[in-house]
Amino acid sequence: MTLRFALKEDCAAIAGIYNHAVVNTATIWNDKTVDVENRLAWFAARQQAGFPVLISEEDGQVTGYASFGDWRAFDGFRHTVEHSVYVHPEHQGKGLGRALLSQLIEEARRIGKHVMVAGIESHNHASLHLHHQLGFVIVAQMPQVGTKFGRWLDLTFMQLQLDDRRDPDAIG
């Protein structure tokens, strides 16, 4: 398994992994799948903003991806990002999520971010456990704020402080 920065040629595989999560899980709170053009636009927006898109790869096959973007679109939140990590269903349980998230944390530190936020469906115990192991702490529980598959979904927010700077404008 290797980790690398994604290329636009990886967007079809990224769309496939994303769509599997949309159709089969409550990890993505969307009801509609996306096409490759959607993921190409998403990829271009991430690149333009200077945010990484990482992939894991095995034998030339994309097995997972991870990225982060602005947590909220207000200037005061410029040091905070929210991330996503998704692993192809046939490759789950191999440590790919941990590898992708660990590298993503390093990328956030490298570009000077201060806090990384995770919004996790509260029954996704594997994701909650992974984030806890990597130092994230639960900061909020929001019951019944979403819905999918005919049921209410609860949201758990976790966050990781990436550095200990006291001055927000100091360069990390």
Protein backbone atom coordinates (compact mmCIF):
# COMPACT_ATOMS: atom_id res chain seq x y z
CA MET A 1 0.00 0.00 0.00
CA THR A 2 1.23 3.45 -0.88
CA LEU A 3 -0.09 6.91 -0.04
CA ARG A 4 0.20 9.73 -2.53
CA PHE A 5 -1.44 12.95 -3.59
CA ALA A 6 -4.37 12.30 -5.90
CA LEU A 7 -4.37 13.15 -9.58
CA LYS A 8 -7.43 14.09 -11.59
CA GLU A 9 -7.22 10.62 -13.16
CA ASP A 10 -8.10 9.22 -9.72
CA CYS A 11 -11.46 11.01 -9.60
CA ALA A 12 -13.43 8.11 -11.12
CA ALA A 13 -12.19 5.78 -8.36
CA ILE A 14 -12.85 8.47 -5.74
CA ALA A 15 -16.41 8.82 -7.06
CA GLY A 16 -16.87 5.05 -6.81
CA ILE A 17 -15.76 4.96 -3.17
CA TYR A 18 -17.90 8.01 -2.36
CA ASN A 19 -20.95 6.54 -4.09
CA HIS A 20 -20.64 3.24 -2.25
CA ALA A 21 -20.73 5.17 1.04
CA VAL A 22 -23.76 7.19 -0.13
CA VAL A 23 -25.76 4.12 -1.16
CA ASN A 24 -24.76 1.71 1.60
CA THR A 25 -23.85 3.68 4.73
CA ALA A 26 -24.82 6.60 6.91
CA THR A 27 -21.30 8.03 6.79
CA ILE A 28 -22.26 10.49 4.06
CA TRP A 29 -25.55 12.23 4.67
CA ASN A 30 -26.42 12.62 1.01
CA ASP A 31 -29.03 10.61 -0.83
CA LYS A 32 -27.69 11.16 -4.34
CA THR A 33 -24.58 9.69 -5.89
CA VAL A 34 -22.12 11.79 -7.89
CA ASP A 35 -20.56 11.42 -11.30
CA VAL A 36 -16.92 11.82 -12.29
CA GLU A 37 -17.52 15.43 -13.39
CA ASN A 38 -18.70 16.24 -9.86
CA ARG A 39 -15.53 14.75 -8.33
CA LEU A 40 -13.35 16.54 -10.90
CA ALA A 41 -14.93 19.86 -9.86
CA TRP A 42 -14.50 18.95 -6.18
CA PHE A 43 -10.86 18.00 -6.82
CA ALA A 44 -10.17 21.24 -8.71
CA ALA A 45 -11.74 23.29 -5.89
CA ARG A 46 -9.55 21.52 -3.31
CA GLN A 47 -6.45 22.15 -5.39
CA GLN A 48 -7.33 25.81 -5.94
CA ALA A 49 -7.81 26.28 -2.18
CA GLY A 50 -4.46 24.61 -1.47
CA PHE A 51 -6.05 21.63 0.29
CA PRO A 52 -4.68 18.12 -0.21
CA VAL A 53 -6.47 15.12 -1.61
CA LEU A 54 -4.64 11.95 -0.63
CA ILE A 55 -5.23 8.45 -1.87
CA SER A 56 -4.11 5.02 -0.79
CA GLU A 57 -3.23 2.69 -3.61
CA GLU A 58 -2.52 -1.01 -3.91
CA ASP A 59 -1.44 -2.70 -7.13
CA GLY A 60 -2.52 0.38 -9.11
CA GLN A 61 -6.02 0.43 -7.57
CA VAL A 62 -7.24 3.36 -5.48
CA THR A 63 -8.25 1.83 -2.15
CA GLY A 64 -9.18 4.97 -0.21
CA TYR A 65 -9.01 8.74 -0.14
CA ALA A 66 -8.89 11.60 2.32
CA SER A 67 -9.09 15.36 2.17
CA PHE A 68 -9.99 18.41 4.18
CA GLY A 69 -11.53 21.77 3.48
CA ASP A 70 -12.73 24.86 5.27
CA TRP A 71 -14.83 24.04 8.30
CA ARG A 72 -16.97 27.14 7.87
CA ALA A 73 -16.78 29.83 5.21
CA PHE A 74 -16.10 32.78 7.53
CA ASP A 75 -12.69 34.42 7.89
CA GLY A 76 -12.59 33.77 11.62
CA PHE A 77 -12.50 30.01 10.98
CA ARG A 78 -9.52 30.18 8.59
CA HIS A 79 -7.32 28.07 10.89
CA THR A 80 -9.84 25.22 11.19
CA VAL A 81 -10.51 22.44 8.69
CA GLU A 82 -12.98 19.57 8.50
CA HIS A 83 -11.83 16.32 6.96
CA SER A 84 -13.18 13.22 5.28
CA VAL A 85 -11.63 9.77 5.01
CA TYR A 86 -13.20 6.95 3.00
CA VAL A 87 -11.88 3.47 2.29
CA HIS A 88 -13.05 1.13 -0.45
CA PRO A 89 -15.28 -1.54 1.18
CA GLU A 90 -13.01 -4.39 0.06
CA HIS A 91 -10.04 -2.77 1.80
CA GLN A 92 -11.54 -1.76 5.13
CA GLY A 93 -9.96 -3.11 8.29
CA LYS A 94 -6.41 -2.99 6.90
CA GLY A 95 -5.33 0.25 8.57
CA LEU A 96 -5.83 2.41 5.50
CA GLY A 97 -8.11 4.87 7.29
CA ARG A 98 -5.50 5.34 10.01
CA ALA A 99 -2.72 5.83 7.45
CA LEU A 100 -4.74 8.33 5.42
CA LEU A 101 -5.91 10.30 8.46
CA SER A 102 -2.41 10.36 9.99
CA GLN A 103 -0.98 11.77 6.77
CA LEU A 104 -3.86 14.24 6.49
CA ILE A 105 -3.11 15.51 10.00
CA GLU A 106 0.50 16.10 8.98
CA GLU A 107 -0.64 17.97 5.86
CA ALA A 108 -2.88 20.22 7.97
CA ARG A 109 0.02 20.98 10.29
CA ARG A 110 2.30 21.62 7.32
CA ILE A 111 0.02 24.34 5.93
CA GLY A 112 -0.43 25.94 9.35
CA LYS A 113 -3.89 24.83 10.40
CA HIS A 114 -4.68 24.91 14.13
CA VAL A 115 -7.70 22.62 14.55
CA MET A 116 -9.08 19.67 12.58
CA VAL A 117 -12.76 18.83 13.01
CA ALA A 118 -14.53 15.53 12.37
CA GLY A 119 -18.30 15.24 12.03
CA ILE A 120 -19.12 11.56 12.57
CA GLU A 121 -22.45 9.72 12.60
CA SER A 122 -22.71 8.77 16.25
CA HIS A 123 -23.17 5.03 15.61
CA ASN A 124 -20.04 4.81 13.47
CA HIS A 125 -18.02 3.25 16.29
CA ALA A 126 -15.06 2.35 14.07
CA SER A 127 -14.59 5.98 13.02
CA LEU A 128 -15.09 7.28 16.55
CA HIS A 129 -12.49 4.79 17.81
CA LEU A 130 -9.99 5.66 15.09
CA HIS A 131 -10.28 9.38 15.78
CA HIS A 132 -9.94 8.83 19.52
CA GLN A 133 -6.78 6.77 18.95
CA LEU A 134 -5.28 9.62 16.92
CA GLY A 135 -5.94 12.17 19.68
CA PHE A 136 -9.30 13.62 18.69
CA VAL A 137 -11.68 14.44 21.54
CA ILE A 138 -15.46 14.61 21.51
CA VAL A 139 -16.61 18.22 21.76
CA ALA A 140 -20.30 17.94 20.88
CA GLN A 141 -23.16 15.47 20.51
CA MET A 142 -26.08 16.58 18.36
CA PRO A 143 -29.06 14.20 18.46
CA GLN A 144 -31.37 13.78 15.47
CA VAL A 145 -29.86 16.52 13.31
CA GLY A 146 -29.85 14.35 10.18
CA THR A 147 -31.81 11.63 8.46
CA LYS A 148 -31.09 8.79 6.10
CA PHE A 149 -32.61 5.38 5.41
CA GLY A 150 -35.82 6.44 7.15
CA ARG A 151 -34.26 7.10 10.54
CA TRP A 152 -32.86 10.00 12.51
CA LEU A 153 -29.09 10.34 12.68
CA ASP A 154 -27.06 11.77 15.54
CA LEU A 155 -23.85 13.71 14.91
CA THR A 156 -20.73 13.58 17.05
CA PHE A 157 -18.18 16.33 16.60
CA MET A 158 -14.59 15.52 17.44
CA GLN A 159 -11.59 17.78 17.12
CA LEU A 160 -7.84 17.66 17.24
CA GLN A 161 -5.73 20.67 18.16
CA LEU A 162 -2.83 20.57 15.73
CA ASP A 163 -0.45 22.96 17.46
CA ASP A 164 -0.10 24.93 20.68
CA ARG A 165 0.36 28.45 19.35
CA ARG A 166 -1.28 31.14 21.39
CA ASP A 167 -1.29 33.78 18.66
CA PRO A 168 -3.63 32.88 15.78
CA ASP A 169 -1.60 34.94 13.33
CA ALA A 170 1.74 33.38 14.29
CA ILE A 171 3.16 31.14 11.63
CA GLY A 172 3.07 27.56 12.89
